Protein backbone atom coordinates (compact mmCIF):
# COMPACT_ATOMS: atom_id res chain seq x y z
CA UNK A 1 160.49 162.35 23.71
CA UNK A 2 158.14 160.48 26.09
CA UNK A 3 160.71 157.62 26.31
CA UNK A 4 163.41 160.07 27.45
CA UNK A 5 161.02 161.63 29.94
CA UNK A 6 160.15 158.23 31.37
CA UNK A 7 163.81 157.28 31.62
CA UNK A 8 164.59 160.53 33.48
CA UNK A 9 161.57 160.06 35.72
CA UNK A 10 162.59 156.49 36.62
CA UNK A 11 166.11 157.53 37.49
CA UNK A 12 164.93 160.51 39.48
CA UNK A 13 162.58 158.34 41.52
CA UNK A 14 165.30 155.80 42.26
CA UNK A 15 167.78 158.54 43.25
CA UNK A 16 165.31 159.79 45.90
CA UNK A 17 164.83 156.35 47.49
CA UNK A 18 166.00 156.31 51.13
CA UNK A 19 167.10 153.47 53.36
CA UNK A 20 164.28 151.31 54.70
CA UNK A 21 163.60 152.44 58.28
CA UNK A 22 162.69 149.06 59.82
CA UNK A 23 165.37 146.55 60.83
CA UNK A 24 166.24 144.50 57.79
CA UNK A 25 169.58 142.87 58.64
CA UNK A 26 168.11 139.60 59.90
CA UNK A 27 166.22 139.10 56.61
CA UNK A 28 167.87 137.06 53.88
CA UNK A 29 169.11 138.84 50.77
CA UNK A 30 166.82 137.01 48.31
CA UNK A 31 163.74 138.32 50.05
CA UNK A 32 165.08 141.86 50.03
CA UNK A 33 165.87 141.69 46.33
CA UNK A 34 162.31 140.38 45.70
CA UNK A 35 161.01 143.34 47.68
CA UNK A 36 163.06 145.77 45.57
CA UNK A 37 161.66 144.34 42.30
CA UNK A 38 158.14 144.83 43.64
CA UNK A 39 159.08 148.32 44.77
CA UNK A 40 159.88 149.23 41.20
CA UNK A 41 156.91 147.45 39.70
CA UNK A 42 154.51 149.26 42.10
CA UNK A 43 155.85 152.55 40.81
CA UNK A 44 155.53 151.59 37.14
CA UNK A 45 159.27 151.36 36.72
CA UNK A 46 160.54 148.51 34.59
CA UNK A 47 162.72 146.29 36.84
CA UNK A 48 165.87 146.09 34.72
CA UNK A 49 169.08 144.85 36.27
CA UNK A 50 170.68 148.27 36.73
CA UNK A 51 167.55 149.70 38.28
CA UNK A 52 167.23 146.72 40.60
CA UNK A 53 170.83 147.05 41.73
CA UNK A 54 170.44 150.77 42.45
CA UNK A 55 167.08 150.35 44.24
CA UNK A 56 168.13 147.38 46.30
CA UNK A 57 171.22 149.20 47.51
CA UNK A 58 169.30 152.41 48.22
CA UNK A 59 166.71 150.54 50.25
CA UNK A 60 169.07 148.16 52.08
CA UNK A 61 172.62 149.62 51.94
CA UNK A 62 173.93 147.78 55.01
CA UNK A 63 173.00 144.50 53.44
CA UNK A 64 174.28 145.03 49.91
CA UNK A 65 177.42 147.19 50.15
CA UNK A 66 180.88 146.19 48.99
CA UNK A 67 183.19 144.96 51.69
CA UNK A 68 185.39 147.87 52.67
CA UNK A 69 183.46 150.34 50.42
CA UNK A 70 180.11 150.81 52.13
CA UNK A 71 179.17 153.65 49.77
CA UNK A 72 178.97 151.34 46.76
CA UNK A 73 176.56 148.49 45.91
CA UNK A 74 177.76 144.92 45.52
CA UNK A 75 176.19 144.19 42.12
CA UNK A 76 177.62 140.69 42.04
CA UNK A 77 175.72 139.65 45.16
CA UNK A 78 172.52 141.26 43.91
CA UNK A 79 172.95 139.52 40.53
CA UNK A 80 173.36 136.15 42.28
CA UNK A 81 170.26 136.66 44.39
CA UNK A 82 168.27 137.97 41.45
CA UNK A 83 169.23 135.63 38.64
CA UNK A 84 170.35 132.36 40.33
CA UNK A 85 168.21 132.29 43.47
CA UNK A 86 165.05 134.26 43.00
CA UNK A 87 164.59 133.30 39.35
CA UNK A 88 166.21 129.93 38.64
CA UNK A 89 166.11 128.17 41.98
CA UNK A 90 163.07 129.60 43.75
CA UNK A 91 160.92 130.86 40.84
CA UNK A 92 159.92 133.93 42.72
CA UNK A 93 160.70 136.03 39.67
CA UNK A 94 160.51 135.54 35.89
CA UNK A 95 162.75 137.15 33.29
CA UNK A 96 166.45 137.52 32.80
CA UNK A 97 169.28 140.06 32.84
CA UNK A 98 168.43 141.36 29.37
CA UNK A 99 164.67 141.52 29.50
CA UNK A 100 164.19 142.56 33.12
CA UNK A 101 162.25 140.81 35.85
CA UNK A 102 158.69 140.35 37.18
CA UNK A 103 157.31 138.92 40.42
CA UNK A 104 155.61 135.53 39.76
CA UNK A 105 152.50 134.18 41.41
CA UNK A 106 154.74 132.05 43.63
CA UNK A 107 156.87 135.06 44.40
CA UNK A 108 153.82 137.10 45.54
CA UNK A 109 153.33 134.74 48.52
CA UNK A 110 156.92 135.25 49.67
CA UNK A 111 156.71 138.96 48.90
CA UNK A 112 153.67 139.27 51.14
CA UNK A 113 155.53 137.37 53.85
CA UNK A 114 158.58 139.59 53.46
CA UNK A 115 156.48 142.78 53.77
CA UNK A 116 155.00 141.46 57.01
CA UNK A 117 158.47 140.70 58.35
CA UNK A 118 159.60 144.22 57.45
CA UNK A 119 156.48 145.63 59.12
CA UNK A 120 157.14 143.63 62.26
CA UNK A 121 154.03 141.51 61.88
CA UNK A 122 156.16 138.35 61.54
CA UNK A 123 159.11 137.84 63.82
CA UNK A 124 162.31 136.42 62.31
CA UNK A 125 163.94 133.96 64.70
CA UNK A 126 166.96 133.17 62.52
CA UNK A 127 169.45 135.62 61.14
CA UNK A 128 169.73 135.05 57.41
CA UNK A 129 172.65 135.87 55.24
CA UNK A 130 176.29 136.27 56.03
CA UNK A 131 179.37 137.95 54.77
CA UNK A 132 179.99 136.71 51.18
CA UNK A 133 182.63 133.94 50.98
CA UNK A 134 185.23 135.96 49.27
CA UNK A 135 188.99 136.19 49.40
CA UNK A 136 188.97 138.23 52.65
CA UNK A 137 186.87 135.70 54.54
CA UNK A 138 188.77 132.68 53.13
CA UNK A 139 192.13 134.03 54.20
CA UNK A 140 191.02 135.01 57.70
CA UNK A 141 189.37 131.63 58.18
CA UNK A 142 192.65 129.91 57.22
CA UNK A 143 194.50 132.21 59.65
CA UNK A 144 192.17 131.15 62.49
CA UNK A 145 193.06 127.48 61.98
CA UNK A 146 196.79 128.02 62.62
CA UNK A 147 198.55 127.00 65.83
CA UNK A 148 199.63 130.58 66.49
CA UNK A 149 196.06 131.90 66.44
CA UNK A 150 194.76 128.98 68.60
CA UNK A 151 197.44 129.67 71.22
CA UNK A 152 196.61 133.35 71.19
CA UNK A 153 192.89 132.64 71.77
CA UNK A 154 193.79 130.18 74.57
CA UNK A 155 195.93 132.89 76.23
CA UNK A 156 199.12 130.98 75.56
CA UNK A 157 200.83 133.86 73.82
CA UNK A 158 204.20 133.10 75.32
CA UNK A 159 204.22 129.67 73.61
CA UNK A 160 203.84 131.06 70.11
CA UNK A 161 206.99 130.47 68.10
CA UNK A 162 208.46 132.43 65.22
CA UNK A 163 207.84 129.56 62.83
CA UNK A 164 204.16 129.49 63.87
CA UNK A 165 203.87 133.19 63.14
CA UNK A 166 205.38 132.66 59.70
CA UNK A 167 202.94 129.83 59.15
CA UNK A 168 200.01 132.03 60.21
CA UNK A 169 201.02 134.76 57.78
CA UNK A 170 201.76 132.17 55.04
CA UNK A 171 205.32 133.40 54.70
CA UNK A 172 207.70 130.65 53.46
CA UNK A 173 210.87 132.24 54.82
CA UNK A 174 211.98 134.73 57.45
CA UNK A 175 211.87 137.63 55.05
CA UNK A 176 211.28 141.09 56.49
CA UNK A 177 209.61 142.38 53.32
CA UNK A 178 207.31 139.36 52.95
CA UNK A 179 206.24 139.49 56.62
CA UNK A 180 205.60 143.25 56.28
CA UNK A 181 203.56 142.67 53.09
CA UNK A 182 201.53 139.72 54.33
CA UNK A 183 200.76 141.23 57.69
CA UNK A 184 199.52 144.44 56.06
CA UNK A 185 197.33 142.35 53.75
CA UNK A 186 195.83 140.31 56.60
CA UNK A 187 195.18 143.44 58.65
CA UNK A 188 193.33 144.94 55.73
CA UNK A 189 191.23 141.75 55.24
CA UNK A 190 190.30 141.54 58.92
CA UNK A 191 189.36 145.21 58.95
CA UNK A 192 187.19 144.86 55.85
CA UNK A 193 185.11 142.05 57.31
CA UNK A 194 185.16 143.64 60.80
CA UNK A 195 186.67 140.61 62.51
CA UNK A 196 187.87 142.05 65.84
CA UNK A 197 189.47 138.83 67.16
CA UNK A 198 191.61 138.47 63.99
CA UNK A 199 192.49 142.13 64.20
CA UNK A 200 193.68 141.80 67.82
CA UNK A 201 195.74 138.71 66.96
CA UNK A 202 197.40 140.48 64.02
CA UNK A 203 198.12 143.55 66.06
CA UNK A 204 199.72 141.27 68.64
CA UNK A 205 201.98 139.81 65.91
CA UNK A 206 202.76 143.32 64.67
CA UNK A 207 203.94 144.40 68.10
CA UNK A 208 205.96 141.20 68.55
CA UNK A 209 207.77 141.71 65.25
CA UNK A 210 209.02 145.10 66.35
CA UNK A 211 206.94 147.11 63.88
CA UNK A 212 207.85 145.10 60.77
CA UNK A 213 204.21 145.38 59.72
CA UNK A 214 204.31 149.16 59.55
CA UNK A 215 203.64 150.63 56.12
């Protein structure tokens, strides 16, 4: 019965965690995951993977949300920080996904430093972390290397050809359905990663194609 009570108590505590009030976006994800593990340990909650995911997201939602679904945690990113970086590479933590994790002696130094950064006692001069290199980012980066996009940025819109637009959208032929499908996909990707310049370019293409990109 005590085990069930402890489990309920742990979950209730985690559910009540609120977003960290200080600015945390400039701090790299590994440090924030380390902080979350200590957060659990300091409250006598065993830092298992599920609890770490939930706690990390509750504390730092703007840093660990899924692209396009800000209400959900990105467990893959947290797992990478937790298992590959904080444990294997940096030795800030000990343990594994099955047994749970603990802050190491080495980790305590970086944990203390992280707390001081969050408290404003240490200023961060470099912004750590970036949007994960996923499909959305990869496709938009490829888009930005095309001649059509470069001409658009250089304000040479009138020089953009139909073939360059097809190349930008990675459409092999002048197919209405393919153009419509690819344009919709690219607009979704640009919106997910909040890339305004790519969005503007794609909206420009959409207007030029006479609404072919409309759903």
